[in-house]
Amino acid sequence: VTTGYPDGTYRPTSPVARDAMAAFLYRFAGRPAVSLPPSSPFTDVPTSNQFYREITWLAASGVTTGYPDGTYRPLQSVARDAMAAFLNRFAYVAPSS
């Protein structure tokens, strides 16, 4: 679910950003297939973003809708209320084991 950082560290006390949270949930769901559109569903997530696939899957599956202004805010920390909402929606789209 997590791979840590390229320098080999885990950084356990660092906050989790929304883009990394998308990657965690995508991996936890088993890396499901996702059709990547040529343009991003969010104005602040370019197709070159390292987590474009994961964020796009999160949007396509309904786990996230982003913000009303069309952004996802990938580098913003995930607040506890938002994490609860993500996990609640995720429970309905994750494959059952």
PDB file of N, CA and C in Angstrom:
ATOM      1  N   VAL A   1       0.825  -1.197   0.000  1.00  0.00           N
ATOM      2  CA  VAL A   1       0.000   0.000   0.000  1.00  0.00           C
ATOM      3  C   VAL A   1       0.864   1.254   0.000  1.00  0.00           C
ATOM      4  N   THR A   2       1.959   1.206   0.729  1.00  0.00           N
ATOM      5  CA  THR A   2       2.863   2.349   0.733  1.00  0.00           C
ATOM      6  C   THR A   2       4.246   1.900   0.294  1.00  0.00           C
ATOM      7  N   THR A   3       4.936   2.787  -0.363  1.00  0.00           N
ATOM      8  CA  THR A   3       6.274   2.460  -0.853  1.00  0.00           C
ATOM      9  C   THR A   3       7.352   3.290  -0.183  1.00  0.00           C
ATOM     10  N   GLY A   4       6.981   4.256   0.631  1.00  0.00           N
ATOM     11  CA  GLY A   4       7.973   5.125   1.234  1.00  0.00           C
ATOM     12  C   GLY A   4       8.491   6.136   0.231  1.00  0.00           C
ATOM     13  N   TYR A   5       9.598   6.740   0.554  1.00  0.00           N
ATOM     14  CA  TYR A   5      10.186   7.783  -0.280  1.00  0.00           C
ATOM     15  C   TYR A   5      11.368   7.246  -1.062  1.00  0.00           C
ATOM     16  N   PRO A   6      11.726   7.903  -2.169  1.00  0.00           N
ATOM     17  CA  PRO A   6      12.854   7.434  -2.987  1.00  0.00           C
ATOM     18  C   PRO A   6      14.176   7.316  -2.226  1.00  0.00           C
ATOM     19  N   ASP A   7      14.336   8.082  -1.139  1.00  0.00           N
ATOM     20  CA  ASP A   7      15.585   8.010  -0.378  1.00  0.00           C
ATOM     21  C   ASP A   7      15.594   6.855   0.633  1.00  0.00           C
ATOM     22  N   GLY A   8      14.550   6.016   0.593  1.00  0.00           N
ATOM     23  CA  GLY A   8      14.489   4.847   1.466  1.00  0.00           C
ATOM     24  C   GLY A   8      13.863   5.104   2.823  1.00  0.00           C
ATOM     25  N   THR A   9      13.401   6.322   3.084  1.00  0.00           N
ATOM     26  CA  THR A   9      12.775   6.633   4.369  1.00  0.00           C
ATOM     27  C   THR A   9      11.269   6.448   4.283  1.00  0.00           C
ATOM     28  N   TYR A  10      10.655   6.392   5.463  1.00  0.00           N
ATOM     29  CA  TYR A  10       9.198   6.272   5.548  1.00  0.00           C
ATOM     30  C   TYR A  10       8.547   7.556   6.070  1.00  0.00           C
ATOM     31  N   ARG A  11       9.221   8.272   6.933  1.00  0.00           N
ATOM     32  CA  ARG A  11       8.764   9.538   7.512  1.00  0.00           C
ATOM     33  C   ARG A  11       7.418   9.380   8.225  1.00  0.00           C
ATOM     34  N   PRO A  12       7.385   8.577   9.267  1.00  0.00           N
ATOM     35  CA  PRO A  12       6.129   8.233   9.939  1.00  0.00           C
ATOM     36  C   PRO A  12       5.374   9.391  10.572  1.00  0.00           C
ATOM     37  N   THR A  13       6.029  10.482  10.866  1.00  0.00           N
ATOM     38  CA  THR A  13       5.320  11.602  11.500  1.00  0.00           C
ATOM     39  C   THR A  13       4.932  12.695  10.502  1.00  0.00           C
ATOM     40  N   SER A  14       5.234  12.507   9.227  1.00  0.00           N
ATOM     41  CA  SER A  14       4.861  13.499   8.211  1.00  0.00           C
ATOM     42  C   SER A  14       3.379  13.394   7.877  1.00  0.00           C
ATOM     43  N   PRO A  15       2.739  14.526   7.598  1.00  0.00           N
ATOM     44  CA  PRO A  15       1.337  14.468   7.183  1.00  0.00           C
ATOM     45  C   PRO A  15       1.207  13.777   5.823  1.00  0.00           C
ATOM     46  N   VAL A  16       0.036  13.241   5.544  1.00  0.00           N
ATOM     47  CA  VAL A  16      -0.235  12.591   4.265  1.00  0.00           C
ATOM     48  C   VAL A  16      -0.936  13.594   3.353  1.00  0.00           C
ATOM     49  N   ALA A  17      -0.377  13.777   2.169  1.00  0.00           N
ATOM     50  CA  ALA A  17      -0.985  14.666   1.186  1.00  0.00           C
ATOM     51  C   ALA A  17      -2.076  13.914   0.423  1.00  0.00           C
ATOM     52  N   ARG A  18      -2.982  14.665  -0.164  1.00  0.00           N
ATOM     53  CA  ARG A  18      -4.108  14.073  -0.878  1.00  0.00           C
ATOM     54  C   ARG A  18      -3.669  13.204  -2.057  1.00  0.00           C
ATOM     55  N   ASP A  19      -2.563  13.572  -2.727  1.00  0.00           N
ATOM     56  CA  ASP A  19      -2.110  12.741  -3.847  1.00  0.00           C
ATOM     57  C   ASP A  19      -1.596  11.388  -3.357  1.00  0.00           C
ATOM     58  N   ALA A  20      -0.869  11.388  -2.234  1.00  0.00           N
ATOM     59  CA  ALA A  20      -0.376  10.128  -1.669  1.00  0.00           C
ATOM     60  C   ALA A  20      -1.529   9.277  -1.148  1.00  0.00           C
ATOM     61  N   MET A  21      -2.534   9.921  -0.569  1.00  0.00           N
ATOM     62  CA  MET A  21      -3.706   9.181  -0.090  1.00  0.00           C
ATOM     63  C   MET A  21      -4.396   8.481  -1.258  1.00  0.00           C
ATOM     64  N   ALA A  22      -4.470   9.147  -2.402  1.00  0.00           N
ATOM     65  CA  ALA A  22      -5.058   8.520  -3.588  1.00  0.00           C
ATOM     66  C   ALA A  22      -4.264   7.274  -3.972  1.00  0.00           C
ATOM     67  N   ALA A  23      -2.941   7.375  -3.898  1.00  0.00           N
ATOM     68  CA  ALA A  23      -2.087   6.229  -4.224  1.00  0.00           C
ATOM     69  C   ALA A  23      -2.309   5.081  -3.235  1.00  0.00           C
ATOM     70  N   PHE A  24      -2.423   5.398  -1.944  1.00  0.00           N
ATOM     71  CA  PHE A  24      -2.676   4.361  -0.939  1.00  0.00           C
ATOM     72  C   PHE A  24      -3.964   3.605  -1.257  1.00  0.00           C
ATOM     73  N   LEU A  25      -5.044   4.343  -1.517  1.00  0.00           N
ATOM     74  CA  LEU A  25      -6.340   3.697  -1.765  1.00  0.00           C
ATOM     75  C   LEU A  25      -6.331   2.908  -3.071  1.00  0.00           C
ATOM     76  N   TYR A  26      -5.688   3.441  -4.090  1.00  0.00           N
ATOM     77  CA  TYR A  26      -5.594   2.746  -5.374  1.00  0.00           C
ATOM     78  C   TYR A  26      -4.868   1.409  -5.205  1.00  0.00           C
ATOM     79  N   ARG A  27      -3.761   1.424  -4.497  1.00  0.00           N
ATOM     80  CA  ARG A  27      -3.010   0.190  -4.264  1.00  0.00           C
ATOM     81  C   ARG A  27      -3.792  -0.778  -3.387  1.00  0.00           C
ATOM     82  N   PHE A  28      -4.455  -0.239  -2.364  1.00  0.00           N
ATOM     83  CA  PHE A  28      -5.251  -1.084  -1.467  1.00  0.00           C
ATOM     84  C   PHE A  28      -6.388  -1.768  -2.219  1.00  0.00           C
ATOM     85  N   ALA A  29      -6.913  -1.105  -3.246  1.00  0.00           N
ATOM     86  CA  ALA A  29      -7.981  -1.679  -4.063  1.00  0.00           C
ATOM     87  C   ALA A  29      -7.448  -2.704  -5.056  1.00  0.00           C
ATOM     88  N   GLY A  30      -6.143  -2.911  -5.081  1.00  0.00           N
ATOM     89  CA  GLY A  30      -5.563  -3.914  -5.976  1.00  0.00           C
ATOM     90  C   GLY A  30      -5.106  -3.364  -7.309  1.00  0.00           C
ATOM     91  N   ARG A  31      -4.897  -2.059  -7.393  1.00  0.00           N
ATOM     92  CA  ARG A  31      -4.454  -1.401  -8.621  1.00  0.00           C
ATOM     93  C   ARG A  31      -5.402  -1.692  -9.786  1.00  0.00           C
ATOM     94  N   PRO A  32      -6.672  -1.351  -9.617  1.00  0.00           N
ATOM     95  CA  PRO A  32      -7.645  -1.646 -10.667  1.00  0.00           C
ATOM     96  C   PRO A  32      -7.352  -0.908 -11.974  1.00  0.00           C
ATOM     97  N   ALA A  33      -7.834  -1.481 -13.060  1.00  0.00           N
ATOM     98  CA  ALA A  33      -7.672  -0.850 -14.367  1.00  0.00           C
ATOM     99  C   ALA A  33      -8.413   0.482 -14.369  1.00  0.00           C
ATOM    100  N   VAL A  34      -7.821   1.446 -15.034  1.00  0.00           N
ATOM    101  CA  VAL A  34      -8.451   2.753 -15.163  1.00  0.00           C
ATOM    102  C   VAL A  34      -8.123   3.308 -16.537  1.00  0.00           C
ATOM    103  N   SER A  35      -9.124   3.860 -17.175  1.00  0.00           N
ATOM    104  CA  SER A  35      -8.930   4.494 -18.468  1.00  0.00           C
ATOM    105  C   SER A  35      -8.481   5.930 -18.225  1.00  0.00           C
ATOM    106  N   LEU A  36      -7.290   6.255 -18.683  1.00  0.00           N
ATOM    107  CA  LEU A  36      -6.752   7.591 -18.443  1.00  0.00           C
ATOM    108  C   LEU A  36      -7.154   8.551 -19.554  1.00  0.00           C
ATOM    109  N   PRO A  37      -7.930   9.562 -19.213  1.00  0.00           N
ATOM    110  CA  PRO A  37      -8.332  10.541 -20.221  1.00  0.00           C
ATOM    111  C   PRO A  37      -7.150  11.422 -20.623  1.00  0.00           C
ATOM    112  N   PRO A  38      -7.187  11.984 -21.818  1.00  0.00           N
ATOM    113  CA  PRO A  38      -6.078  12.841 -22.257  1.00  0.00           C
ATOM    114  C   PRO A  38      -5.986  14.149 -21.481  1.00  0.00           C
ATOM    115  N   SER A  39      -7.073  14.545 -20.852  1.00  0.00           N
ATOM    116  CA  SER A  39      -7.024  15.735 -20.001  1.00  0.00           C
ATOM    117  C   SER A  39      -7.514  15.350 -18.606  1.00  0.00           C
ATOM    118  N   SER A  40      -6.956  16.013 -17.627  1.00  0.00           N
ATOM    119  CA  SER A  40      -7.223  15.680 -16.231  1.00  0.00           C
ATOM    120  C   SER A  40      -8.628  16.059 -15.796  1.00  0.00           C
ATOM    121  N   PRO A  41      -9.206  15.274 -14.879  1.00  0.00           N
ATOM    122  CA  PRO A  41     -10.510  15.650 -14.332  1.00  0.00           C
ATOM    123  C   PRO A  41     -10.410  16.843 -13.374  1.00  0.00           C
ATOM    124  N   PHE A  42      -9.198  17.239 -13.013  1.00  0.00           N
ATOM    125  CA  PHE A  42      -8.984  18.351 -12.085  1.00  0.00           C
ATOM    126  C   PHE A  42      -8.018  19.370 -12.686  1.00  0.00           C
ATOM    127  N   THR A  43      -8.321  20.633 -12.515  1.00  0.00           N
ATOM    128  CA  THR A  43      -7.512  21.694 -13.107  1.00  0.00           C
ATOM    129  C   THR A  43      -6.103  21.784 -12.534  1.00  0.00           C
ATOM    130  N   ASP A  44      -5.892  21.280 -11.333  1.00  0.00           N
ATOM    131  CA  ASP A  44      -4.574  21.376 -10.707  1.00  0.00           C
ATOM    132  C   ASP A  44      -3.820  20.047 -10.675  1.00  0.00           C
ATOM    133  N   VAL A  45      -4.264  19.076 -11.441  1.00  0.00           N
ATOM    134  CA  VAL A  45      -3.563  17.787 -11.540  1.00  0.00           C
ATOM    135  C   VAL A  45      -3.238  17.550 -13.012  1.00  0.00           C
ATOM    136  N   PRO A  46      -2.023  17.917 -13.436  1.00  0.00           N
ATOM    137  CA  PRO A  46      -1.655  17.687 -14.830  1.00  0.00           C
ATOM    138  C   PRO A  46      -1.493  16.197 -15.118  1.00  0.00           C
ATOM    139  N   THR A  47      -1.606  15.832 -16.359  1.00  0.00           N
ATOM    140  CA  THR A  47      -1.449  14.427 -16.734  1.00  0.00           C
ATOM    141  C   THR A  47      -0.036  13.922 -16.429  1.00  0.00           C
ATOM    142  N   SER A  48       0.895  14.832 -16.214  1.00  0.00           N
ATOM    143  CA  SER A  48       2.267  14.459 -15.876  1.00  0.00           C
ATOM    144  C   SER A  48       2.468  14.229 -14.374  1.00  0.00           C
ATOM    145  N   ASN A  49       1.446  14.460 -13.561  1.00  0.00           N
ATOM    146  CA  ASN A  49       1.548  14.268 -12.119  1.00  0.00           C
ATOM    147  C   ASN A  49       1.881  12.805 -11.832  1.00  0.00           C
ATOM    148  N   GLN A  50       2.797  12.573 -10.890  1.00  0.00           N
ATOM    149  CA  GLN A  50       3.211  11.188 -10.604  1.00  0.00           C
ATOM    150  C   GLN A  50       2.065  10.303 -10.138  1.00  0.00           C
ATOM    151  N   PHE A  51       0.998  10.899  -9.610  1.00  0.00           N
ATOM    152  CA  PHE A  51      -0.152  10.127  -9.150  1.00  0.00           C
ATOM    153  C   PHE A  51      -1.395  10.373 -10.010  1.00  0.00           C
ATOM    154  N   TYR A  52      -1.193  10.756 -11.267  1.00  0.00           N
ATOM    155  CA  TYR A  52      -2.320  11.029 -12.169  1.00  0.00           C
ATOM    156  C   TYR A  52      -3.252   9.817 -12.283  1.00  0.00           C
ATOM    157  N   ARG A  53      -2.692   8.643 -12.492  1.00  0.00           N
ATOM    158  CA  ARG A  53      -3.496   7.414 -12.611  1.00  0.00           C
ATOM    159  C   ARG A  53      -4.341   7.207 -11.351  1.00  0.00           C
ATOM    160  N   GLU A  54      -3.714   7.321 -10.210  1.00  0.00           N
ATOM    161  CA  GLU A  54      -4.385   7.053  -8.950  1.00  0.00           C
ATOM    162  C   GLU A  54      -5.483   8.083  -8.652  1.00  0.00           C
ATOM    163  N   ILE A  55      -5.185   9.345  -8.903  1.00  0.00           N
ATOM    164  CA  ILE A  55      -6.169  10.408  -8.674  1.00  0.00           C
ATOM    165  C   ILE A  55      -7.323  10.281  -9.664  1.00  0.00           C
ATOM    166  N   THR A  56      -7.011   9.958 -10.906  1.00  0.00           N
ATOM    167  CA  THR A  56      -8.052   9.761 -11.921  1.00  0.00           C
ATOM    168  C   THR A  56      -8.961   8.596 -11.542  1.00  0.00           C
ATOM    169  N   TRP A  57      -8.369   7.501 -11.059  1.00  0.00           N
ATOM    170  CA  TRP A  57      -9.180   6.366 -10.609  1.00  0.00           C
ATOM    171  C   TRP A  57     -10.077   6.768  -9.442  1.00  0.00           C
ATOM    172  N   LEU A  58      -9.527   7.520  -8.499  1.00  0.00           N
ATOM    173  CA  LEU A  58     -10.300   7.960  -7.337  1.00  0.00           C
ATOM    174  C   LEU A  58     -11.518   8.769  -7.786  1.00  0.00           C
ATOM    175  N   ALA A  59     -11.334   9.620  -8.780  1.00  0.00           N
ATOM    176  CA  ALA A  59     -12.441  10.430  -9.298  1.00  0.00           C
ATOM    177  C   ALA A  59     -13.430   9.564 -10.083  1.00  0.00           C
ATOM    178  N   ALA A  60     -12.907   8.707 -10.960  1.00  0.00           N
ATOM    179  CA  ALA A  60     -13.772   7.866 -11.796  1.00  0.00           C
ATOM    180  C   ALA A  60     -14.610   6.899 -10.959  1.00  0.00           C
ATOM    181  N   SER A  61     -14.066   6.454  -9.839  1.00  0.00           N
ATOM    182  CA  SER A  61     -14.781   5.502  -8.993  1.00  0.00           C
ATOM    183  C   SER A  61     -15.770   6.178  -8.041  1.00  0.00           C
ATOM    184  N   GLY A  62     -15.710   7.502  -7.962  1.00  0.00           N
ATOM    185  CA  GLY A  62     -16.626   8.222  -7.081  1.00  0.00           C
ATOM    186  C   GLY A  62     -16.127   8.407  -5.662  1.00  0.00           C
ATOM    187  N   VAL A  63     -14.893   7.984  -5.387  1.00  0.00           N
ATOM    188  CA  VAL A  63     -14.353   8.145  -4.044  1.00  0.00           C
ATOM    189  C   VAL A  63     -14.077   9.620  -3.760  1.00  0.00           C
ATOM    190  N   THR A  64     -13.723  10.369  -4.795  1.00  0.00           N
ATOM    191  CA  THR A  64     -13.541  11.804  -4.629  1.00  0.00           C
ATOM    192  C   THR A  64     -14.256  12.562  -5.732  1.00  0.00           C
ATOM    193  N   THR A  65     -14.679  13.736  -5.392  1.00  0.00           N
ATOM    194  CA  THR A  65     -15.261  14.646  -6.378  1.00  0.00           C
ATOM    195  C   THR A  65     -14.415  15.899  -6.507  1.00  0.00           C
ATOM    196  N   GLY A  66     -13.394  16.010  -5.664  1.00  0.00           N
ATOM    197  CA  GLY A  66     -12.585  17.212  -5.675  1.00  0.00           C
ATOM    198  C   GLY A  66     -13.343  18.359  -5.029  1.00  0.00           C
ATOM    199  N   TYR A  67     -12.870  19.555  -5.304  1.00  0.00           N
ATOM    200  CA  TYR A  67     -13.486  20.759  -4.741  1.00  0.00           C
ATOM    201  C   TYR A  67     -14.420  21.400  -5.758  1.00  0.00           C
ATOM    202  N   PRO A  68     -15.370  22.205  -5.297  1.00  0.00           N
ATOM    203  CA  PRO A  68     -16.326  22.843  -6.219  1.00  0.00           C
ATOM    204  C   PRO A  68     -15.670  23.693  -7.315  1.00  0.00           C
ATOM    205  N   ASP A  69     -14.452  24.168  -7.086  1.00  0.00           N
ATOM    206  CA  ASP A  69     -13.782  24.992  -8.096  1.00  0.00           C
ATOM    207  C   ASP A  69     -13.046  24.159  -9.148  1.00  0.00           C
ATOM    208  N   GLY A  70     -13.213  22.834  -9.131  1.00  0.00           N
ATOM    209  CA  GLY A  70     -12.595  21.967 -10.129  1.00  0.00           C
ATOM    210  C   GLY A  70     -11.186  21.516  -9.796  1.00  0.00           C
ATOM    211  N   THR A  71     -10.745  21.792  -8.578  1.00  0.00           N
ATOM    212  CA  THR A  71      -9.409  21.377  -8.167  1.00  0.00           C
ATOM    213  C   THR A  71      -9.471  20.127  -7.301  1.00  0.00           C
ATOM    214  N   TYR A  72      -8.313  19.499  -7.164  1.00  0.00           N
ATOM    215  CA  TYR A  72      -8.167  18.357  -6.269  1.00  0.00           C
ATOM    216  C   TYR A  72      -7.273  18.718  -5.086  1.00  0.00           C
ATOM    217  N   ARG A  73      -6.363  19.662  -5.282  1.00  0.00           N
ATOM    218  CA  ARG A  73      -5.416  20.123  -4.256  1.00  0.00           C
ATOM    219  C   ARG A  73      -4.541  18.965  -3.769  1.00  0.00           C
ATOM    220  N   PRO A  74      -3.773  18.398  -4.706  1.00  0.00           N
ATOM    221  CA  PRO A  74      -3.016  17.182  -4.408  1.00  0.00           C
ATOM    222  C   PRO A  74      -1.972  17.303  -3.306  1.00  0.00           C
ATOM    223  N   LEU A  75      -1.437  18.473  -3.076  1.00  0.00           N
ATOM    224  CA  LEU A  75      -0.384  18.612  -2.072  1.00  0.00           C
ATOM    225  C   LEU A  75      -0.898  19.055  -0.710  1.00  0.00           C
ATOM    226  N   GLN A  76      -2.199  19.248  -0.619  1.00  0.00           N
ATOM    227  CA  GLN A  76      -2.800  19.615   0.669  1.00  0.00           C
ATOM    228  C   GLN A  76      -2.898  18.364   1.545  1.00  0.00           C
ATOM    229  N   SER A  77      -2.648  18.533   2.838  1.00  0.00           N
ATOM    230  CA  SER A  77      -2.778  17.405   3.767  1.00  0.00           C
ATOM    231  C   SER A  77      -4.226  16.939   3.831  1.00  0.00           C
ATOM    232  N   VAL A  78      -4.412  15.670   4.062  1.00  0.00           N
ATOM    233  CA  VAL A  78      -5.756  15.113   4.195  1.00  0.00           C
ATOM    234  C   VAL A  78      -6.246  15.361   5.618  1.00  0.00           C
ATOM    235  N   ALA A  79      -7.362  16.057   5.744  1.00  0.00           N
ATOM    236  CA  ALA A  79      -7.972  16.285   7.056  1.00  0.00           C
ATOM    237  C   ALA A  79      -8.735  15.031   7.467  1.00  0.00           C
ATOM    238  N   ARG A  80      -8.924  14.866   8.758  1.00  0.00           N
ATOM    239  CA  ARG A  80      -9.593  13.670   9.275  1.00  0.00           C
ATOM    240  C   ARG A  80     -11.017  13.518   8.744  1.00  0.00           C
ATOM    241  N   ASP A  81     -11.750  14.622   8.612  1.00  0.00           N
ATOM    242  CA  ASP A  81     -13.122  14.523   8.098  1.00  0.00           C
ATOM    243  C   ASP A  81     -13.136  14.078   6.637  1.00  0.00           C
ATOM    244  N   ALA A  82     -12.190  14.602   5.856  1.00  0.00           N
ATOM    245  CA  ALA A  82     -12.099  14.196   4.455  1.00  0.00           C
ATOM    246  C   ALA A  82     -11.690  12.725   4.345  1.00  0.00           C
ATOM    247  N   MET A  83     -10.764  12.299   5.203  1.00  0.00           N
ATOM    248  CA  MET A  83     -10.334  10.900   5.170  1.00  0.00           C
ATOM    249  C   MET A  83     -11.499   9.974   5.491  1.00  0.00           C
ATOM    250  N   ALA A  84     -12.312  10.364   6.452  1.00  0.00           N
ATOM    251  CA  ALA A  84     -13.494   9.559   6.788  1.00  0.00           C
ATOM    252  C   ALA A  84     -14.435   9.463   5.590  1.00  0.00           C
ATOM    253  N   ALA A  85     -14.634  10.561   4.891  1.00  0.00           N
ATOM    254  CA  ALA A  85     -15.506  10.552   3.704  1.00  0.00           C
ATOM    255  C   ALA A  85     -14.905   9.675   2.606  1.00  0.00           C
ATOM    256  N   PHE A  86     -13.598   9.802   2.366  1.00  0.00           N
ATOM    257  CA  PHE A  86     -12.941   8.965   1.355  1.00  0.00           C
ATOM    258  C   PHE A  86     -13.108   7.481   1.681  1.00  0.00           C
ATOM    259  N   LEU A  87     -12.862   7.112   2.935  1.00  0.00           N
ATOM    260  CA  LEU A  87     -12.965   5.705   3.317  1.00  0.00           C
ATOM    261  C   LEU A  87     -14.394   5.193   3.229  1.00  0.00           C
ATOM    262  N   ASN A  88     -15.355   6.029   3.571  1.00  0.00           N
ATOM    263  CA  ASN A  88     -16.753   5.626   3.466  1.00  0.00           C
ATOM    264  C   ASN A  88     -17.117   5.347   2.008  1.00  0.00           C
ATOM    265  N   ARG A  89     -16.733   6.236   1.113  1.00  0.00           N
ATOM    266  CA  ARG A  89     -17.018   6.021  -0.322  1.00  0.00           C
ATOM    267  C   ARG A  89     -16.227   4.842  -0.858  1.00  0.00           C
ATOM    268  N   PHE A  90     -14.984   4.704  -0.409  1.00  0.00           N
ATOM    269  CA  PHE A  90     -14.122   3.615  -0.852  1.00  0.00           C
ATOM    270  C   PHE A  90     -14.720   2.262  -0.531  1.00  0.00           C
ATOM    271  N   ALA A  91     -15.379   2.167   0.602  1.00  0.00           N
ATOM    272  CA  ALA A  91     -15.987   0.903   1.030  1.00  0.00           C
ATOM    273  C   ALA A  91     -17.002   0.396   0.003  1.00  0.00           C
ATOM    274  N   TYR A  92     -17.584   1.286  -0.782  1.00  0.00           N
ATOM    275  CA  TYR A  92     -18.581   0.890  -1.778  1.00  0.00           C
ATOM    276  C   TYR A  92     -17.980   0.546  -3.138  1.00  0.00           C
ATOM    277  N   VAL A  93     -16.721   0.955  -3.383  1.00  0.00           N
ATOM    278  CA  VAL A  93     -16.137   0.675  -4.681  1.00  0.00           C
ATOM    279  C   VAL A  93     -15.023  -0.352  -4.631  1.00  0.00           C
ATOM    280  N   ALA A  94     -14.467  -0.592  -3.453  1.00  0.00           N
ATOM    281  CA  ALA A  94     -13.352  -1.545  -3.339  1.00  0.00           C
ATOM    282  C   ALA A  94     -13.854  -2.959  -3.606  1.00  0.00           C
ATOM    283  N   PRO A  95     -13.055  -3.738  -4.315  1.00  0.00           N
ATOM    284  CA  PRO A  95     -13.454  -5.124  -4.551  1.00  0.00           C
ATOM    285  C   PRO A  95     -13.546  -5.886  -3.242  1.00  0.00           C
ATOM    286  N   SER A  96     -14.546  -6.705  -3.119  1.00  0.00           N
ATOM    287  CA  SER A  96     -14.692  -7.496  -1.887  1.00  0.00           C
ATOM    288  C   SER A  96     -13.712  -8.664  -1.926  1.00  0.00           C
ATOM    289  N   SER A  97     -13.217  -8.997  -0.750  1.00  0.00           N
ATOM    290  CA  SER A  97     -12.239 -10.092  -0.701  1.00  0.00           C
ATOM    291  C   SER A  97     -12.855 -11.385  -0.281  1.00  0.00           C
TER     292      SER A  97
END
